[in-house]
N, C-alpha and C. Protein backbone atom coordinates (compact mmCIF):
# COMPACT_ATOMS: atom_id res chain seq x y z
N MET A 1 79.71 63.36 150.03
CA MET A 1 79.12 63.71 148.77
C MET A 1 79.69 65.05 148.29
N PHE A 2 79.60 66.08 149.23
CA PHE A 2 80.05 67.37 148.85
C PHE A 2 81.53 67.68 149.30
N ASN A 3 82.08 66.76 149.97
CA ASN A 3 83.38 66.97 150.65
C ASN A 3 83.46 68.22 151.51
N SER A 4 82.38 68.53 152.21
CA SER A 4 82.33 69.71 153.11
C SER A 4 83.17 69.46 154.39
N ARG A 5 83.80 70.50 154.76
CA ARG A 5 84.51 70.48 156.02
C ARG A 5 83.74 71.17 157.12
N CYS A 6 82.47 71.38 156.80
CA CYS A 6 81.53 72.03 157.73
C CYS A 6 81.29 71.15 158.94
N ARG A 7 81.27 71.74 160.12
CA ARG A 7 80.86 70.96 161.33
C ARG A 7 80.14 71.88 162.25
N SER A 8 79.34 71.21 163.09
CA SER A 8 78.48 71.99 164.00
C SER A 8 79.08 71.92 165.34
N LEU A 9 79.10 73.08 166.08
CA LEU A 9 79.60 73.16 167.43
C LEU A 9 78.54 73.79 168.30
N GLU A 10 78.33 73.22 169.50
CA GLU A 10 77.53 73.89 170.45
C GLU A 10 78.53 74.54 171.38
N ILE A 11 78.48 75.86 171.40
CA ILE A 11 79.52 76.64 172.03
C ILE A 11 78.91 77.98 172.54
N ASP A 12 79.27 78.42 173.68
CA ASP A 12 78.84 79.75 174.17
C ASP A 12 79.57 80.79 173.36
N VAL A 13 78.80 81.80 173.02
CA VAL A 13 79.41 82.88 172.18
C VAL A 13 80.67 83.44 172.79
N PHE A 14 80.79 83.46 174.10
CA PHE A 14 81.93 84.09 174.70
C PHE A 14 83.16 83.14 174.74
N GLU A 15 83.01 81.97 174.23
CA GLU A 15 84.07 81.04 174.01
C GLU A 15 84.62 80.93 172.62
N LEU A 16 83.97 81.76 171.76
CA LEU A 16 84.45 81.85 170.34
C LEU A 16 85.80 82.45 170.35
N ASP A 17 86.76 81.74 169.63
CA ASP A 17 88.08 82.25 169.52
C ASP A 17 88.61 81.99 168.16
N PRO A 18 88.86 83.08 167.41
CA PRO A 18 89.37 82.91 165.99
C PRO A 18 90.64 82.06 165.92
N ALA A 19 91.55 82.16 166.92
CA ALA A 19 92.77 81.36 166.95
C ALA A 19 92.46 79.86 167.01
N LYS A 20 91.46 79.53 167.65
CA LYS A 20 91.04 78.11 167.88
C LYS A 20 90.09 77.59 166.87
N HIS A 21 89.09 78.43 166.49
CA HIS A 21 88.01 77.98 165.61
C HIS A 21 88.19 78.54 164.15
N GLY A 22 89.06 79.44 163.93
CA GLY A 22 89.24 80.02 162.62
C GLY A 22 88.34 81.22 162.37
N THR A 23 88.46 81.83 161.14
CA THR A 23 87.60 82.93 160.78
C THR A 23 86.90 82.51 159.51
N PHE A 24 85.83 83.23 159.26
CA PHE A 24 84.91 82.89 158.17
C PHE A 24 84.55 84.16 157.28
N ASP A 25 84.27 83.90 155.99
CA ASP A 25 83.86 85.04 155.13
C ASP A 25 82.56 85.54 155.53
N VAL A 26 81.64 84.66 156.03
CA VAL A 26 80.25 85.11 156.40
C VAL A 26 79.98 84.51 157.79
N VAL A 27 79.50 85.36 158.64
CA VAL A 27 79.17 84.94 160.03
C VAL A 27 77.63 85.32 160.25
N LEU A 28 76.87 84.32 160.77
CA LEU A 28 75.49 84.59 161.10
C LEU A 28 75.35 84.71 162.58
N PHE A 29 74.77 85.80 163.03
CA PHE A 29 74.52 86.07 164.40
C PHE A 29 72.98 86.34 164.55
N LEU A 30 72.25 85.23 164.57
CA LEU A 30 70.73 85.32 164.37
C LEU A 30 70.07 84.96 165.70
N GLY A 31 69.25 85.97 166.16
CA GLY A 31 68.45 85.75 167.35
C GLY A 31 69.23 85.53 168.60
N VAL A 32 70.41 86.13 168.75
CA VAL A 32 71.26 85.91 169.90
C VAL A 32 71.44 87.17 170.72
N LEU A 33 71.56 88.34 170.13
CA LEU A 33 71.90 89.57 170.81
C LEU A 33 71.09 89.86 172.06
N TYR A 34 69.78 89.80 171.89
CA TYR A 34 68.89 90.18 173.02
C TYR A 34 68.89 89.19 174.21
N HIS A 35 69.51 87.98 173.98
CA HIS A 35 69.60 87.01 175.01
C HIS A 35 70.83 87.15 175.87
N LEU A 36 71.70 88.09 175.52
CA LEU A 36 73.01 88.30 176.17
C LEU A 36 72.95 89.39 177.20
N LYS A 37 73.56 89.08 178.38
CA LYS A 37 73.71 90.04 179.40
C LYS A 37 74.76 91.09 178.97
N ASP A 38 75.68 90.71 178.08
CA ASP A 38 76.68 91.63 177.57
C ASP A 38 76.57 91.61 175.98
N PRO A 39 75.55 92.32 175.50
CA PRO A 39 75.30 92.23 174.00
C PRO A 39 76.50 92.80 173.25
N PHE A 40 77.08 93.82 173.69
CA PHE A 40 78.21 94.34 172.85
C PHE A 40 79.43 93.35 172.83
N GLY A 41 79.68 92.78 173.95
CA GLY A 41 80.77 91.76 174.01
C GLY A 41 80.49 90.53 173.15
N GLY A 42 79.21 90.08 173.18
CA GLY A 42 78.85 88.98 172.25
C GLY A 42 78.98 89.36 170.79
N LEU A 43 78.53 90.50 170.45
CA LEU A 43 78.63 90.98 169.07
C LEU A 43 80.14 91.09 168.68
N GLN A 44 80.88 91.56 169.57
CA GLN A 44 82.42 91.73 169.38
C GLN A 44 82.99 90.34 169.13
N ARG A 45 82.57 89.34 169.85
CA ARG A 45 83.07 87.97 169.65
C ARG A 45 82.70 87.41 168.26
N ALA A 46 81.44 87.64 167.87
CA ALA A 46 81.01 87.18 166.57
C ALA A 46 81.82 87.97 165.46
N ALA A 47 81.94 89.19 165.66
CA ALA A 47 82.73 90.03 164.71
C ALA A 47 84.17 89.55 164.51
N ALA A 48 84.75 89.09 165.59
CA ALA A 48 86.15 88.62 165.60
C ALA A 48 86.30 87.36 164.73
N MET A 49 85.18 86.66 164.51
CA MET A 49 85.21 85.40 163.72
C MET A 49 84.99 85.66 162.30
N CYS A 50 84.69 86.95 161.93
CA CYS A 50 84.27 87.37 160.57
C CYS A 50 85.36 88.08 159.76
N ARG A 51 85.65 87.64 158.60
CA ARG A 51 86.61 88.33 157.75
C ARG A 51 85.90 89.41 156.94
N ASP A 52 84.60 89.23 156.59
CA ASP A 52 83.98 90.26 155.78
C ASP A 52 82.50 90.51 156.00
N HIS A 53 81.62 89.56 155.97
CA HIS A 53 80.20 89.82 155.99
C HIS A 53 79.54 89.20 157.27
N LEU A 54 79.03 90.07 158.09
CA LEU A 54 78.34 89.67 159.28
C LEU A 54 76.80 89.98 159.13
N ILE A 55 76.01 88.96 159.41
CA ILE A 55 74.56 89.16 159.34
C ILE A 55 73.97 89.00 160.75
N VAL A 56 73.32 90.10 161.23
CA VAL A 56 72.80 90.10 162.54
C VAL A 56 71.25 90.21 162.44
N GLU A 57 70.52 89.34 163.15
CA GLU A 57 69.06 89.37 163.25
C GLU A 57 68.80 89.54 164.73
N THR A 58 67.92 90.49 165.03
CA THR A 58 67.55 90.75 166.43
C THR A 58 66.29 91.44 166.61
N MET A 59 65.75 91.44 167.81
CA MET A 59 64.63 92.32 168.15
C MET A 59 65.18 93.73 168.22
N ILE A 60 64.27 94.70 167.97
CA ILE A 60 64.69 96.06 168.09
C ILE A 60 63.61 96.79 168.89
N SER A 61 63.96 97.91 169.46
CA SER A 61 63.03 98.67 170.26
C SER A 61 63.37 100.15 170.22
N GLN A 62 62.47 101.05 170.51
CA GLN A 62 62.76 102.46 170.71
C GLN A 62 63.24 103.10 169.41
N ASN A 63 62.81 102.65 168.21
CA ASN A 63 63.32 103.15 166.94
C ASN A 63 62.85 104.62 166.67
N GLU A 64 61.89 105.10 167.44
CA GLU A 64 61.48 106.51 167.29
C GLU A 64 62.58 107.46 167.85
N ILE A 65 63.51 106.92 168.60
CA ILE A 65 64.55 107.71 169.18
C ILE A 65 65.69 107.62 168.15
N PRO A 66 66.22 108.77 167.65
CA PRO A 66 67.21 108.73 166.63
C PRO A 66 68.62 108.46 167.13
N THR A 67 68.86 108.64 168.38
CA THR A 67 70.21 108.29 168.93
C THR A 67 70.38 106.80 169.30
N ALA A 68 71.56 106.32 169.38
CA ALA A 68 71.78 104.92 169.60
C ALA A 68 71.47 104.66 171.11
N ILE A 69 70.48 103.78 171.40
CA ILE A 69 70.16 103.35 172.68
C ILE A 69 69.85 101.88 172.78
N MET A 70 69.93 101.32 173.94
CA MET A 70 69.61 99.92 174.18
C MET A 70 68.69 99.85 175.39
N GLU A 71 67.59 99.14 175.27
CA GLU A 71 66.61 99.10 176.31
C GLU A 71 66.82 97.79 177.14
N PHE A 72 66.92 97.93 178.51
CA PHE A 72 66.95 96.76 179.31
C PHE A 72 65.56 96.10 179.45
N THR A 73 65.42 94.90 179.08
CA THR A 73 64.13 94.26 179.05
C THR A 73 64.16 92.85 179.73
N PRO A 74 64.51 92.85 181.02
CA PRO A 74 64.56 91.53 181.63
C PRO A 74 63.22 90.87 181.65
N SER A 75 63.17 89.64 181.32
CA SER A 75 61.93 88.84 181.38
C SER A 75 60.84 89.45 180.51
N LEU A 76 61.20 89.88 179.32
CA LEU A 76 60.23 90.42 178.37
C LEU A 76 59.20 89.35 178.06
N GLU A 77 57.93 89.71 178.35
CA GLU A 77 56.80 88.75 178.22
C GLU A 77 57.03 87.40 178.92
N GLY A 78 57.74 87.49 180.10
CA GLY A 78 57.91 86.29 180.90
C GLY A 78 59.08 85.43 180.48
N ASP A 79 59.82 85.88 179.42
CA ASP A 79 61.00 85.06 179.00
C ASP A 79 62.19 85.58 179.71
N THR A 80 62.65 84.79 180.64
CA THR A 80 63.83 85.20 181.49
C THR A 80 65.18 85.20 180.80
N THR A 81 65.16 84.84 179.50
CA THR A 81 66.44 84.84 178.80
C THR A 81 66.59 86.06 177.92
N ASN A 82 65.75 87.03 178.05
CA ASN A 82 65.83 88.31 177.33
C ASN A 82 66.47 89.35 178.23
N PHE A 83 67.34 90.17 177.75
CA PHE A 83 67.96 91.18 178.54
C PHE A 83 68.05 92.54 177.93
N TRP A 84 68.59 92.67 176.71
CA TRP A 84 68.78 93.95 176.09
C TRP A 84 68.29 93.98 174.68
N VAL A 85 67.58 95.09 174.26
CA VAL A 85 67.08 95.19 172.96
C VAL A 85 67.57 96.58 172.44
N PRO A 86 68.31 96.59 171.34
CA PRO A 86 68.84 97.86 170.80
C PRO A 86 67.80 98.50 169.85
N ASN A 87 67.99 99.80 169.63
CA ASN A 87 67.29 100.33 168.48
C ASN A 87 68.18 100.17 167.27
N THR A 88 67.66 100.44 166.09
CA THR A 88 68.51 100.25 164.88
C THR A 88 69.69 101.09 164.85
N ALA A 89 69.55 102.34 165.32
CA ALA A 89 70.73 103.22 165.36
C ALA A 89 71.80 102.65 166.19
N CYS A 90 71.48 101.99 167.36
CA CYS A 90 72.42 101.42 168.24
C CYS A 90 73.14 100.24 167.55
N LEU A 91 72.38 99.39 166.94
CA LEU A 91 72.89 98.23 166.30
C LEU A 91 73.93 98.64 165.19
N VAL A 92 73.50 99.60 164.34
CA VAL A 92 74.40 100.07 163.26
C VAL A 92 75.67 100.71 163.90
N ALA A 93 75.48 101.50 164.95
CA ALA A 93 76.67 102.13 165.56
C ALA A 93 77.63 101.12 166.17
N MET A 94 77.06 100.05 166.78
CA MET A 94 77.96 99.00 167.31
C MET A 94 78.75 98.31 166.19
N LEU A 95 78.04 98.02 165.11
CA LEU A 95 78.72 97.38 163.95
C LEU A 95 79.79 98.34 163.35
N ASN A 96 79.49 99.55 163.18
CA ASN A 96 80.47 100.53 162.68
C ASN A 96 81.72 100.57 163.60
N TYR A 97 81.47 100.57 164.89
CA TYR A 97 82.53 100.65 165.92
C TYR A 97 83.47 99.36 165.72
N LEU A 98 82.82 98.23 165.40
CA LEU A 98 83.49 96.92 165.25
C LEU A 98 84.07 96.74 163.94
N ASP A 99 84.29 97.84 163.13
CA ASP A 99 84.98 97.84 161.90
C ASP A 99 84.12 97.24 160.75
N PHE A 100 82.84 97.50 160.76
CA PHE A 100 81.94 97.22 159.69
C PHE A 100 81.35 98.57 159.17
N PRO A 101 82.10 99.29 158.22
CA PRO A 101 81.59 100.57 157.85
C PRO A 101 80.40 100.55 156.97
N LYS A 102 80.07 99.46 156.28
CA LYS A 102 78.90 99.41 155.40
C LYS A 102 77.83 98.49 155.96
N THR A 103 76.64 99.01 156.14
CA THR A 103 75.51 98.18 156.69
C THR A 103 74.27 98.39 155.81
N GLU A 104 73.55 97.35 155.78
CA GLU A 104 72.25 97.44 155.09
C GLU A 104 71.19 96.89 156.03
N VAL A 105 70.20 97.76 156.44
CA VAL A 105 69.19 97.33 157.36
C VAL A 105 67.97 96.89 156.63
N MET A 106 67.44 95.72 157.02
CA MET A 106 66.21 95.10 156.35
C MET A 106 65.17 94.90 157.48
N LYS A 107 63.95 95.23 157.19
CA LYS A 107 62.88 94.97 158.09
C LYS A 107 62.63 93.46 158.04
N HIS A 108 62.27 93.01 159.21
CA HIS A 108 61.92 91.53 159.38
C HIS A 108 60.41 91.49 159.44
N ARG A 109 59.74 90.61 158.80
CA ARG A 109 58.26 90.59 158.83
C ARG A 109 57.76 89.97 160.12
N ASN A 110 58.50 89.28 160.89
CA ASN A 110 58.03 88.65 162.09
C ASN A 110 58.32 89.51 163.32
N THR A 111 57.54 89.29 164.36
CA THR A 111 57.79 89.94 165.68
C THR A 111 57.78 88.89 166.73
N ILE A 112 58.42 89.20 167.81
CA ILE A 112 58.37 88.34 169.02
C ILE A 112 57.70 89.18 170.12
N HIS A 113 56.63 88.65 170.67
CA HIS A 113 55.92 89.36 171.70
C HIS A 113 55.58 90.85 171.25
N GLY A 114 55.28 90.98 169.96
CA GLY A 114 54.91 92.33 169.45
C GLY A 114 56.14 93.23 169.24
N THR A 115 57.36 92.77 169.53
CA THR A 115 58.50 93.52 169.36
C THR A 115 59.09 93.37 167.92
N PRO A 116 59.27 94.41 167.20
CA PRO A 116 59.74 94.30 165.79
C PRO A 116 61.22 93.77 165.75
N ARG A 117 61.56 93.25 164.53
CA ARG A 117 62.87 92.63 164.40
C ARG A 117 63.54 93.32 163.24
N ARG A 118 64.84 93.23 163.12
CA ARG A 118 65.61 93.70 161.99
C ARG A 118 66.72 92.67 161.68
N VAL A 119 67.09 92.69 160.38
CA VAL A 119 68.21 91.96 159.89
C VAL A 119 69.16 93.07 159.39
N VAL A 120 70.39 92.98 159.84
CA VAL A 120 71.35 93.96 159.34
C VAL A 120 72.56 93.16 158.77
N HIS A 121 72.83 93.50 157.47
CA HIS A 121 73.99 92.94 156.78
C HIS A 121 75.10 93.99 157.01
N ALA A 122 76.27 93.50 157.42
CA ALA A 122 77.38 94.42 157.65
C ALA A 122 78.68 93.86 156.98
N TRP A 123 79.38 94.79 156.34
CA TRP A 123 80.61 94.37 155.64
C TRP A 123 81.81 95.14 156.19
N ARG A 124 82.94 94.51 156.24
CA ARG A 124 84.17 95.15 156.66
C ARG A 124 84.72 96.11 155.62
N ARG A 125 84.30 95.98 154.37
CA ARG A 125 84.72 96.89 153.32
C ARG A 125 83.54 97.76 152.89
N ASP A 126 83.82 98.95 152.42
CA ASP A 126 82.74 99.79 151.90
C ASP A 126 82.12 99.30 150.60
N ASP A 127 82.84 98.42 149.91
CA ASP A 127 82.41 98.03 148.54
C ASP A 127 82.25 96.47 148.53
N PRO A 128 81.13 96.00 149.17
CA PRO A 128 80.92 94.53 149.15
C PRO A 128 80.69 93.94 147.75
């Protein structure tokens, strides 16, 4: 009906390969970061798939600390798939390092286990 070339893949984030899967104008990285033992590596893989606009949604922690930090949270509230939770400064710093100079941080109205969440829009260009 729409002649879409869209397809769904079940793939580990560390198997993402722009040479094999292509790159995209917009990449969604939603609810993944805190489940990774190597969150920077996972974010780097998602960023490699993105030509311009990366949207990251994640739990955040320690926002009262102004410097970039990430808290190790194994088994947060009994969930053994949780490992690392950044503060907002850390998330923005990682995105800037990965060549996304413009970011917009949005508060997320939901929490998981009382932990606040953020959505960050990031662009490769300063003028989206």
